[in-house]
Amino acid sequence: MTGGFEDVGFLWDDLAIEELRSENAGWFALAEDLNATLTALAVSAMASVRTASWDPKAVAVRLFLRCCSNLQGIILLTERGMAAEARTLVRSLLEGSFGLAALVEKPAAYIQMLKDDYEASRKRKAAFLLSQGMVSLEAHRVGLQAAIDAAGKVDTISPKKVAEMGQLRRQYLTYQVLSDDAAHVSARAMNRHLKANADKSGWSYKWGPATAESNAATLHHAVLAGISVGVALTQMLGDTDGNAAVAELADRFQAMPPLRSNL
């Protein structure tokens, strides 16, 4: 940490963004071209899919929009070297890709899972309010308890189960790694801020932009998930031109140099 970083961290205006981008110029170019393609697909999908809100295609478009924003956030965070924050969004993008793949294979089952998850969330919040004594009026307590009872047994959505419904079940391992590496407060996540002495005599704190290798791995997994998202949506909507455009990006992805380190 030097200069302004010690004052404002990653908000430092003079953070070496150009240098960080140049270290992985190929990956940034591919991620940005993917973003442009997905954004074009999103605009086209919003214009063409006009149906009931719970229609599988309408659900797919809404989920796709979330995925597009995830990818854009990943690019912005990675250019500042914010690996943990970017990877948290890669995890979110992966979760979106599981959902879109499930909509291709088992749309009715996935949509029911979304509805059950909504009710389960409402039930949990109501139960928490009651258990913590945060509702003062008796009439309100009775009403909340009635809502809990009426909801019955509903399950929260399981990313693992969703992944198993489509063609991306193998990517669930990456989702698990990202959960431990970035999204959750875990020993592995906190080790990001620890630097051991080479002679094992001690350690020091570490904070600052990620390495070029780390940023490359982040963009690698983001692009892979983004390609999956594009394939799923174009399959659902029968968009052959869009599917071909995503396929070209997939070919470029396959031609990228191998990573020096994975997640």
Protein backbone atom coordinates (compact mmCIF):
# COMPACT_ATOMS: atom_id res chain seq x y z
CA MET A 1 0.00 0.00 0.00
CA THR A 2 1.42 3.36 -1.01
CA GLY A 3 0.20 6.92 -1.39
CA GLY A 4 -3.52 7.40 -1.79
CA PHE A 5 -4.38 3.76 -1.28
CA GLU A 6 -3.59 4.20 2.41
CA ASP A 7 -6.18 6.99 2.53
CA VAL A 8 -9.14 5.64 0.55
CA GLY A 9 -8.23 2.09 -0.51
CA PHE A 10 -9.65 0.95 -3.82
CA LEU A 11 -11.39 4.31 -4.28
CA TRP A 12 -8.01 5.90 -4.97
CA ASP A 13 -8.31 7.91 -8.19
CA ASP A 14 -4.78 7.06 -9.26
CA LEU A 15 -5.18 3.32 -8.87
CA ALA A 16 -3.26 1.71 -11.75
CA ILE A 17 -6.34 0.63 -13.71
CA GLU A 18 -4.63 0.89 -17.11
CA GLU A 19 -1.76 -1.25 -15.88
CA LEU A 20 -4.10 -3.86 -14.41
CA ARG A 21 -6.05 -3.99 -17.66
CA SER A 22 -2.92 -4.23 -19.80
CA GLU A 23 -1.72 -7.23 -17.78
CA ASN A 24 -4.78 -9.12 -19.03
CA ALA A 25 -5.65 -7.24 -22.21
CA GLY A 26 -6.91 -10.39 -23.94
CA TRP A 27 -9.23 -11.38 -21.12
CA PHE A 28 -10.63 -7.87 -20.73
CA ALA A 29 -11.23 -7.64 -24.48
CA LEU A 30 -13.07 -10.96 -24.52
CA ALA A 31 -15.15 -10.06 -21.45
CA GLU A 32 -16.12 -6.70 -22.95
CA ASP A 33 -17.01 -8.23 -26.32
CA LEU A 34 -19.12 -10.81 -24.48
CA ASN A 35 -20.81 -8.01 -22.58
CA ALA A 36 -21.62 -6.19 -25.82
CA THR A 37 -23.12 -9.37 -27.30
CA LEU A 38 -25.16 -10.16 -24.19
CA THR A 39 -26.39 -6.57 -23.94
CA ALA A 40 -27.60 -6.71 -27.54
CA LEU A 41 -29.38 -9.98 -26.78
CA ALA A 42 -30.98 -8.40 -23.72
CA VAL A 43 -32.32 -5.42 -25.66
CA SER A 44 -33.71 -7.70 -28.35
CA ALA A 45 -35.26 -10.07 -25.79
CA MET A 46 -36.99 -7.25 -23.89
CA ALA A 47 -38.55 -6.08 -27.14
CA SER A 48 -39.68 -9.52 -28.31
CA VAL A 49 -40.84 -11.31 -25.15
CA ARG A 50 -44.20 -9.79 -24.22
CA THR A 51 -46.12 -12.31 -22.17
CA ALA A 52 -47.25 -13.13 -18.63
CA SER A 53 -44.63 -12.35 -16.00
CA TRP A 54 -44.32 -15.99 -14.89
CA ASP A 55 -44.05 -17.33 -18.43
CA PRO A 56 -40.71 -19.17 -18.66
CA LYS A 57 -39.45 -16.86 -21.39
CA ALA A 58 -40.26 -13.74 -19.36
CA VAL A 59 -38.57 -15.23 -16.30
CA ALA A 60 -35.55 -16.07 -18.47
CA VAL A 61 -35.28 -12.49 -19.74
CA ARG A 62 -35.43 -11.04 -16.22
CA LEU A 63 -32.78 -13.48 -15.01
CA PHE A 64 -30.68 -12.70 -18.07
CA LEU A 65 -30.78 -8.98 -17.28
CA ARG A 66 -29.47 -9.72 -13.80
CA CYS A 67 -26.66 -11.76 -15.33
CA CYS A 68 -25.71 -8.94 -17.70
CA SER A 69 -25.38 -6.54 -14.77
CA ASN A 70 -23.32 -9.14 -12.89
CA LEU A 71 -20.86 -9.37 -15.78
CA GLN A 72 -20.54 -5.60 -16.06
CA GLY A 73 -19.88 -5.36 -12.31
CA ILE A 74 -17.22 -8.07 -12.56
CA ILE A 75 -15.37 -6.15 -15.27
CA LEU A 76 -15.47 -2.88 -13.29
CA LEU A 77 -14.27 -4.53 -10.09
CA THR A 78 -11.56 -6.60 -11.78
CA GLU A 79 -10.04 -3.55 -13.46
CA ARG A 80 -9.43 -2.22 -9.94
CA GLY A 81 -8.00 -5.51 -8.79
CA MET A 82 -10.88 -6.18 -6.38
CA ALA A 83 -10.73 -9.95 -6.66
CA ALA A 84 -12.97 -10.98 -3.75
CA GLU A 85 -15.69 -8.53 -4.73
CA ALA A 86 -15.53 -9.48 -8.41
CA ARG A 87 -15.61 -13.18 -7.57
CA THR A 88 -18.66 -12.69 -5.40
CA LEU A 89 -20.39 -11.44 -8.54
CA VAL A 90 -18.97 -14.34 -10.57
CA ARG A 91 -20.70 -16.59 -8.06
CA SER A 92 -23.94 -14.67 -8.61
CA LEU A 93 -23.47 -14.97 -12.38
CA LEU A 94 -22.98 -18.72 -12.02
CA GLU A 95 -26.17 -18.97 -9.99
CA GLY A 96 -27.97 -17.13 -12.77
CA SER A 97 -26.53 -19.51 -15.35
CA PHE A 98 -27.86 -22.48 -13.34
CA GLY A 99 -31.30 -20.91 -13.38
CA LEU A 100 -31.28 -20.26 -17.11
CA ALA A 101 -30.09 -23.80 -17.83
CA ALA A 102 -32.89 -25.12 -15.61
CA LEU A 103 -35.41 -23.01 -17.53
CA VAL A 104 -34.25 -24.70 -20.74
CA GLU A 105 -34.59 -28.22 -19.32
CA LYS A 106 -37.30 -28.02 -16.63
CA PRO A 107 -39.02 -24.64 -16.75
CA ALA A 108 -42.12 -25.52 -14.71
CA ALA A 109 -40.10 -27.10 -11.89
CA TYR A 110 -37.68 -24.17 -11.67
CA ILE A 111 -40.44 -21.57 -11.63
CA GLN A 112 -42.18 -23.44 -8.83
CA MET A 113 -38.91 -23.40 -6.91
CA LEU A 114 -38.75 -19.62 -7.32
CA LYS A 115 -42.30 -19.23 -6.04
CA ASP A 116 -41.68 -21.53 -3.08
CA ASP A 117 -38.49 -19.64 -2.26
CA TYR A 118 -40.42 -16.37 -2.18
CA GLU A 119 -42.95 -17.78 0.28
CA ALA A 120 -40.23 -19.40 2.38
CA SER A 121 -38.42 -16.08 2.62
CA ARG A 122 -41.56 -14.30 3.79
CA LYS A 123 -42.15 -17.06 6.34
CA ARG A 124 -38.61 -16.81 7.72
CA LYS A 125 -38.82 -13.04 8.11
CA ALA A 126 -42.17 -13.25 9.88
CA ALA A 127 -40.89 -15.97 12.19
CA PHE A 128 -37.82 -13.88 13.03
CA LEU A 129 -39.96 -10.85 13.90
CA LEU A 130 -42.05 -12.96 16.25
CA SER A 131 -39.13 -14.81 17.85
CA GLN A 132 -37.29 -11.56 18.60
CA GLY A 133 -40.31 -9.80 20.07
CA MET A 134 -40.17 -7.13 17.38
CA VAL A 135 -43.96 -6.93 16.89
CA SER A 136 -45.69 -5.00 19.63
CA LEU A 137 -49.36 -5.20 18.72
CA GLU A 138 -51.12 -8.44 19.52
CA ALA A 139 -53.26 -8.21 16.39
CA HIS A 140 -50.13 -7.97 14.26
CA ARG A 141 -48.55 -10.94 16.02
CA VAL A 142 -51.68 -13.00 15.39
CA GLY A 143 -51.68 -11.95 11.75
CA LEU A 144 -48.04 -12.88 11.25
CA GLN A 145 -48.54 -16.27 12.89
CA ALA A 146 -51.54 -16.90 10.66
CA ALA A 147 -49.44 -16.07 7.59
CA ILE A 148 -46.72 -18.46 8.76
CA ASP A 149 -49.25 -21.24 9.29
CA ALA A 150 -50.91 -20.61 5.93
CA ALA A 151 -47.61 -20.83 4.07
CA GLY A 152 -47.17 -24.44 5.15
CA LYS A 153 -43.90 -26.20 4.39
CA VAL A 154 -42.02 -24.44 1.63
CA ASP A 155 -38.32 -24.76 0.86
CA THR A 156 -35.79 -22.09 0.04
CA ILE A 157 -34.15 -22.48 -3.32
CA SER A 158 -31.04 -24.67 -3.47
CA PRO A 159 -28.39 -23.60 -6.04
CA LYS A 160 -27.12 -27.18 -6.02
CA LYS A 161 -30.53 -28.57 -6.93
CA VAL A 162 -30.96 -25.92 -9.61
CA ALA A 163 -27.54 -26.76 -11.08
CA GLU A 164 -28.51 -30.42 -11.22
CA MET A 165 -31.62 -29.58 -13.26
CA GLY A 166 -29.66 -28.31 -16.27
CA GLN A 167 -26.47 -28.94 -18.19
CA LEU A 168 -24.14 -26.99 -15.87
CA ARG A 169 -23.97 -29.30 -12.86
CA ARG A 170 -20.18 -29.59 -13.13
CA GLN A 171 -19.90 -25.83 -12.67
CA TYR A 172 -21.38 -26.16 -9.19
CA LEU A 173 -17.89 -27.00 -7.91
CA THR A 174 -16.70 -23.56 -9.05
CA TYR A 175 -19.71 -22.06 -7.28
CA GLN A 176 -18.67 -23.82 -4.07
CA VAL A 177 -15.08 -22.63 -4.38
CA LEU A 178 -16.20 -19.04 -4.95
CA SER A 179 -18.48 -19.24 -1.92
CA ASP A 180 -15.51 -20.15 0.26
CA ASP A 181 -12.96 -17.97 -1.55
CA ALA A 182 -14.93 -14.74 -1.77
CA ALA A 183 -18.63 -14.59 -0.95
CA HIS A 184 -18.65 -15.91 2.62
CA VAL A 185 -16.69 -14.95 5.72
CA SER A 186 -14.41 -17.99 5.83
CA ALA A 187 -10.84 -18.84 6.79
CA ARG A 188 -9.90 -19.09 3.11
CA ALA A 189 -11.45 -15.72 2.31
CA MET A 190 -9.64 -14.02 5.17
CA ASN A 191 -6.34 -15.62 4.15
CA ARG A 192 -6.43 -13.24 1.19
CA HIS A 193 -5.27 -10.61 3.67
CA LEU A 194 -2.39 -12.63 5.12
CA LYS A 195 1.15 -12.87 3.77
CA ALA A 196 3.46 -15.46 5.29
CA ASN A 197 7.18 -14.80 5.43
CA ALA A 198 9.19 -16.93 3.01
CA ASP A 199 11.21 -18.41 5.86
CA LYS A 200 8.03 -19.14 7.84
CA SER A 201 9.23 -16.87 10.64
CA GLY A 202 6.01 -14.94 10.78
CA TRP A 203 3.40 -13.12 8.74
CA SER A 204 2.04 -9.69 7.88
CA TYR A 205 -1.25 -8.19 6.68
CA LYS A 206 -1.89 -7.88 2.96
CA TRP A 207 -4.26 -5.51 1.21
CA GLY A 208 -4.27 -4.15 -2.31
CA PRO A 209 -5.02 -4.96 -5.96
CA ALA A 210 -4.97 -8.61 -6.96
CA THR A 211 -2.22 -10.12 -9.07
CA ALA A 212 -2.46 -10.47 -12.84
CA GLU A 213 -2.90 -14.23 -12.43
CA SER A 214 -5.75 -13.79 -9.98
CA ASN A 215 -7.52 -11.28 -12.22
CA ALA A 216 -7.12 -13.59 -15.22
CA ALA A 217 -8.75 -16.45 -13.32
CA THR A 218 -11.64 -14.18 -12.28
CA LEU A 219 -12.31 -13.11 -15.87
CA HIS A 220 -11.90 -16.68 -17.13
CA HIS A 221 -14.73 -17.96 -14.93
CA ALA A 222 -16.86 -14.89 -15.58
CA VAL A 223 -16.60 -15.34 -19.35
CA LEU A 224 -17.33 -19.06 -19.10
CA ALA A 225 -20.48 -18.40 -17.07
CA GLY A 226 -21.48 -15.53 -19.36
CA ILE A 227 -21.20 -17.72 -22.44
CA SER A 228 -23.43 -20.31 -20.76
CA VAL A 229 -25.99 -17.60 -20.03
CA GLY A 230 -26.00 -16.47 -23.65
CA VAL A 231 -26.38 -20.01 -24.96
CA ALA A 232 -29.30 -20.72 -22.63
CA LEU A 233 -31.25 -17.58 -23.51
CA THR A 234 -30.77 -17.93 -27.27
CA GLN A 235 -31.90 -21.56 -27.05
CA MET A 236 -35.04 -20.59 -25.14
CA LEU A 237 -35.93 -17.81 -27.55
CA GLY A 238 -34.92 -19.68 -30.72
CA ASP A 239 -32.47 -16.90 -31.59
CA THR A 240 -30.17 -18.62 -34.08
CA ASP A 241 -28.21 -15.47 -34.96
CA GLY A 242 -27.64 -14.68 -31.31
CA ASN A 243 -26.62 -18.24 -30.62
CA ALA A 244 -24.06 -18.07 -33.44
CA ALA A 245 -22.63 -14.84 -32.01
CA VAL A 246 -22.21 -16.48 -28.60
CA ALA A 247 -20.64 -19.52 -30.27
CA GLU A 248 -17.96 -17.28 -31.83
CA LEU A 249 -17.11 -15.97 -28.37
CA ALA A 250 -16.96 -19.54 -27.09
CA ASP A 251 -14.40 -20.34 -29.79
CA ARG A 252 -12.33 -17.34 -28.71
CA PHE A 253 -12.57 -18.52 -25.11
CA GLN A 254 -11.23 -21.94 -26.08
CA ALA A 255 -8.31 -20.29 -27.88
CA MET A 256 -7.24 -18.21 -24.89
CA PRO A 257 -3.90 -19.12 -23.29
CA PRO A 258 -4.14 -21.45 -20.31
CA LEU A 259 -4.33 -19.91 -16.85
CA ARG A 260 -1.18 -19.84 -14.76
CA SER A 261 -3.37 -20.45 -11.72
CA ASN A 262 -7.02 -21.34 -11.28
CA LEU A 263 -9.19 -20.00 -8.47
